[in-house]
Amino acid sequence: MLKLFYAPGSCALASHIALEEAGAAFQLELVKLGEQQQRTPEYLALNPKGRVPALATDEGVITENPAILGYVAATHPKANLMPKDPFAAAQVQAFNAFLCATVHPTFAHKFRPYRYADDPAAHAAMAAKVPSVLDEHFGLIEEMLADGREWVHGDYSTSDPYLFNFARWYQRDGMGAPASRPLVRAHIKRMQERPAVQRALASEGLPLL
């Protein structure tokens, strides 16, 4: 059985939702980040990066949300979480890479500036820059949703739970101007109406927004 190592409210929520959407048989394994469980020898043996999520499979461990999302989609094709058309699938992968490599690190400059600099003044400068950078990122996403599509790529895909995770952070933490992104906010609402999303949020003890 699959085992997802997660922390409540972390980016692991995206993979958690995908597993729920796929109807996969899986177990949740809590990693208490506040207690530094991600730095224990036991967890580092599983995931030397010391991060969540990590997905333990019969073949080994998969790390990084884009890889886990792709694996879930590929191993549960009936869930239709990834387009069959190669170009459409590449668009999903490109968007997920954008979230992983661009949007997520922007949040990290606010929450974990020590990863990027030691000087407290640099920490403050990075944090001050985050709202405007997030507005730019979510402005691009708002434009993608502006053609009336319900989901990021038209049909529901792994990009939707991944976006939902960061859109929740964007709205929850008041960084940037989430009120000016009504289509992103509407995406959050649609996501929260999905039973799989409701199950994932409930099992992680996370509230609806």
Protein backbone atom coordinates (compact mmCIF):
# COMPACT_ATOMS: atom_id res chain seq x y z
CA MET A 1 0.00 0.00 0.00
CA LEU A 2 1.14 3.53 -0.70
CA LYS A 3 2.18 5.66 2.26
CA LEU A 4 2.20 9.46 2.08
CA PHE A 5 4.45 11.29 4.49
CA TYR A 6 2.90 14.70 5.09
CA ALA A 7 2.51 17.61 7.48
CA PRO A 8 -0.86 19.37 7.86
CA GLY A 9 -1.09 22.53 5.79
CA SER A 10 2.14 21.83 3.92
CA CYS A 11 2.45 21.48 0.16
CA ALA A 12 1.88 17.75 0.68
CA LEU A 13 -1.83 18.63 0.57
CA ALA A 14 -1.66 18.57 -3.24
CA SER A 15 -0.47 14.97 -3.35
CA HIS A 16 -2.92 14.03 -0.61
CA ILE A 17 -5.84 15.38 -2.64
CA ALA A 18 -4.62 13.61 -5.79
CA LEU A 19 -4.54 10.29 -3.96
CA GLU A 20 -8.08 10.90 -2.74
CA GLU A 21 -9.23 11.87 -6.24
CA ALA A 22 -7.65 8.72 -7.68
CA GLY A 23 -9.37 6.46 -5.18
CA ALA A 24 -5.95 5.09 -4.27
CA ALA A 25 -5.35 2.77 -1.35
CA PHE A 26 -2.92 4.70 0.84
CA GLN A 27 -1.95 5.48 4.40
CA LEU A 28 -1.00 8.83 5.87
CA GLU A 29 2.15 9.14 7.94
CA LEU A 30 2.39 12.38 9.94
CA VAL A 31 5.75 14.16 10.00
CA LYS A 32 5.82 16.73 12.82
CA LEU A 33 7.82 19.56 11.30
CA GLY A 34 7.63 21.63 14.48
CA GLU A 35 9.42 18.83 16.31
CA GLN A 36 12.00 18.50 13.51
CA GLN A 37 10.95 14.93 12.70
CA GLN A 38 11.95 15.63 9.10
CA ARG A 39 15.56 15.86 10.31
CA THR A 40 15.62 12.58 12.21
CA PRO A 41 17.88 9.79 10.92
CA GLU A 42 14.83 7.62 10.31
CA TYR A 43 13.15 10.15 8.03
CA LEU A 44 16.37 11.20 6.31
CA ALA A 45 16.95 7.57 5.42
CA LEU A 46 13.60 7.70 3.65
CA ASN A 47 13.99 11.19 2.18
CA PRO A 48 17.46 12.71 2.46
CA LYS A 49 16.02 16.11 1.45
CA GLY A 50 14.30 16.34 4.83
CA ARG A 51 11.08 17.66 3.31
CA VAL A 52 7.50 16.58 2.75
CA PRO A 53 5.81 15.12 0.85
CA ALA A 54 7.35 11.73 0.27
CA LEU A 55 5.41 8.80 -1.17
CA ALA A 56 6.55 5.30 -0.27
CA THR A 57 5.65 2.75 -2.94
CA ASP A 58 6.45 -0.93 -3.40
CA GLU A 59 9.24 0.12 -5.76
CA GLY A 60 10.77 2.83 -3.59
CA VAL A 61 10.21 6.39 -2.43
CA ILE A 62 9.12 9.27 -4.64
CA THR A 63 9.75 12.86 -3.56
CA GLU A 64 8.65 16.25 -4.95
CA ASN A 65 5.01 17.04 -5.65
CA PRO A 66 5.25 17.12 -9.48
CA ALA A 67 6.74 13.62 -9.49
CA ILE A 68 4.22 12.27 -6.98
CA LEU A 69 1.32 13.87 -8.85
CA GLY A 70 2.55 12.37 -12.11
CA TYR A 71 2.94 8.96 -10.52
CA VAL A 72 -0.56 8.99 -9.05
CA ALA A 73 -2.03 10.03 -12.40
CA ALA A 74 -0.08 7.35 -14.30
CA THR A 75 -0.93 4.53 -11.90
CA HIS A 76 -4.61 5.47 -11.67
CA PRO A 77 -5.52 6.32 -15.28
CA LYS A 78 -9.27 5.92 -14.73
CA ALA A 79 -9.19 9.03 -12.53
CA ASN A 80 -8.26 11.14 -15.60
CA LEU A 81 -5.84 13.34 -13.68
CA MET A 82 -3.50 13.74 -16.66
CA PRO A 83 -4.48 14.36 -20.31
CA LYS A 84 -3.66 11.60 -22.76
CA ASP A 85 -2.67 14.06 -25.48
CA PRO A 86 1.12 14.66 -25.25
CA PHE A 87 0.90 18.42 -25.75
CA ALA A 88 -1.90 18.80 -23.18
CA ALA A 89 0.05 16.63 -20.74
CA ALA A 90 3.10 18.85 -21.27
CA GLN A 91 1.00 21.89 -20.38
CA VAL A 92 0.04 20.26 -17.08
CA GLN A 93 3.67 19.43 -16.37
CA ALA A 94 4.76 22.97 -17.24
CA PHE A 95 2.21 24.53 -14.90
CA ASN A 96 3.14 22.16 -12.07
CA ALA A 97 6.80 23.00 -12.60
CA PHE A 98 5.94 26.71 -12.40
CA LEU A 99 4.20 26.13 -9.06
CA CYS A 100 7.09 24.04 -7.74
CA ALA A 101 10.03 26.10 -8.98
CA THR A 102 8.64 29.64 -8.93
CA VAL A 103 5.54 30.06 -6.76
CA HIS A 104 6.60 27.84 -3.87
CA PRO A 105 10.05 29.43 -3.43
CA THR A 106 8.40 32.85 -3.31
CA PHE A 107 6.44 31.79 -0.25
CA ALA A 108 9.64 30.33 1.20
CA HIS A 109 11.30 33.75 1.02
CA LYS A 110 8.67 34.87 3.55
CA PHE A 111 8.42 31.79 5.77
CA ARG A 112 11.99 30.45 5.59
CA PRO A 113 14.31 33.30 4.55
CA TYR A 114 17.17 31.64 6.43
CA ARG A 115 17.46 29.25 3.51
CA TYR A 116 18.62 32.11 1.32
CA ALA A 117 20.54 34.48 3.59
CA ASP A 118 21.97 34.79 7.11
CA ASP A 119 21.58 38.55 7.55
CA PRO A 120 18.34 39.53 9.37
CA ALA A 121 18.19 42.66 7.24
CA ALA A 122 18.17 40.46 4.15
CA HIS A 123 15.38 38.40 5.67
CA ALA A 124 13.28 41.55 6.13
CA ALA A 125 14.02 42.72 2.60
CA MET A 126 12.99 39.40 1.11
CA ALA A 127 9.78 39.31 3.15
CA ALA A 128 8.90 42.82 2.02
CA LYS A 129 9.27 41.82 -1.62
CA VAL A 130 7.09 38.70 -1.41
CA PRO A 131 3.63 40.33 -1.76
CA SER A 132 4.43 42.06 -5.05
CA VAL A 133 6.06 38.94 -6.48
CA LEU A 134 3.09 36.79 -5.47
CA ASP A 135 0.75 39.27 -7.10
CA GLU A 136 2.71 38.84 -10.32
CA HIS A 137 2.54 35.04 -10.12
CA PHE A 138 -1.16 34.95 -9.33
CA GLY A 139 -1.82 37.56 -11.98
CA LEU A 140 -0.54 35.07 -14.56
CA ILE A 141 -2.76 32.37 -13.06
CA GLU A 142 -5.76 34.71 -13.06
CA GLU A 143 -5.20 35.28 -16.79
CA MET A 144 -5.18 31.53 -17.40
CA LEU A 145 -8.59 31.23 -15.74
CA ALA A 146 -10.02 34.26 -17.54
CA ASP A 147 -11.42 32.35 -20.53
CA GLY A 148 -14.22 30.92 -18.39
CA ARG A 149 -12.64 27.56 -17.68
CA GLU A 150 -13.50 25.92 -14.37
CA TRP A 151 -10.15 24.21 -13.99
CA VAL A 152 -6.61 25.27 -14.81
CA HIS A 153 -6.42 23.35 -18.10
CA GLY A 154 -10.12 23.10 -18.85
CA ASP A 155 -10.53 19.53 -17.59
CA TYR A 156 -9.63 18.70 -14.01
CA SER A 157 -6.01 17.57 -13.61
CA THR A 158 -3.20 17.35 -11.08
CA SER A 159 -2.64 21.08 -11.56
CA ASP A 160 -5.86 21.86 -9.71
CA PRO A 161 -5.02 20.42 -6.28
CA TYR A 162 -1.50 21.82 -6.63
CA LEU A 163 -2.82 25.31 -7.37
CA PHE A 164 -5.38 24.93 -4.57
CA ASN A 165 -2.59 24.40 -2.06
CA PHE A 166 -0.80 27.65 -2.93
CA ALA A 167 -4.00 29.62 -3.47
CA ARG A 168 -4.98 28.67 0.08
CA TRP A 169 -1.66 30.03 1.36
CA TYR A 170 -2.09 33.19 -0.71
CA GLN A 171 -5.57 33.86 0.65
CA ARG A 172 -5.01 32.60 4.18
CA ASP A 173 -1.88 34.59 4.95
CA GLY A 174 -3.00 37.88 3.44
CA MET A 175 0.12 38.27 1.34
CA GLY A 176 -0.29 40.23 -1.83
CA ALA A 177 -3.78 41.17 -2.93
CA PRO A 178 -5.87 37.98 -3.10
CA ALA A 179 -9.07 40.04 -3.21
CA SER A 180 -8.00 41.24 -6.65
CA ARG A 181 -7.87 37.65 -7.95
CA PRO A 182 -11.56 36.66 -8.04
CA LEU A 183 -11.02 33.78 -10.44
CA VAL A 184 -8.40 32.23 -8.19
CA ARG A 185 -10.76 32.63 -5.25
CA ALA A 186 -13.56 31.01 -7.28
CA HIS A 187 -11.20 28.10 -8.02
CA ILE A 188 -10.67 27.66 -4.28
CA LYS A 189 -14.45 27.53 -3.78
CA ARG A 190 -14.95 24.96 -6.53
CA MET A 191 -12.16 22.83 -5.15
CA GLN A 192 -13.67 22.88 -1.67
CA GLU A 193 -16.91 21.52 -3.10
CA ARG A 194 -15.18 18.33 -4.27
CA PRO A 195 -15.61 15.33 -1.91
CA ALA A 196 -11.96 14.28 -2.32
CA VAL A 197 -10.79 17.74 -1.25
CA GLN A 198 -13.15 17.75 1.71
CA ARG A 199 -11.82 14.36 2.83
CA ALA A 200 -8.21 15.50 2.57
CA LEU A 201 -8.85 18.74 4.47
CA ALA A 202 -10.79 16.94 7.19
CA SER A 203 -8.14 14.27 7.71
CA GLU A 204 -5.44 16.98 8.02
CA GLY A 205 -7.60 19.07 10.34
CA LEU A 206 -7.62 22.01 7.92
CA PRO A 207 -10.56 24.44 7.70
CA LEU A 208 -12.46 25.50 4.63
CA LEU A 209 -11.65 29.03 3.49
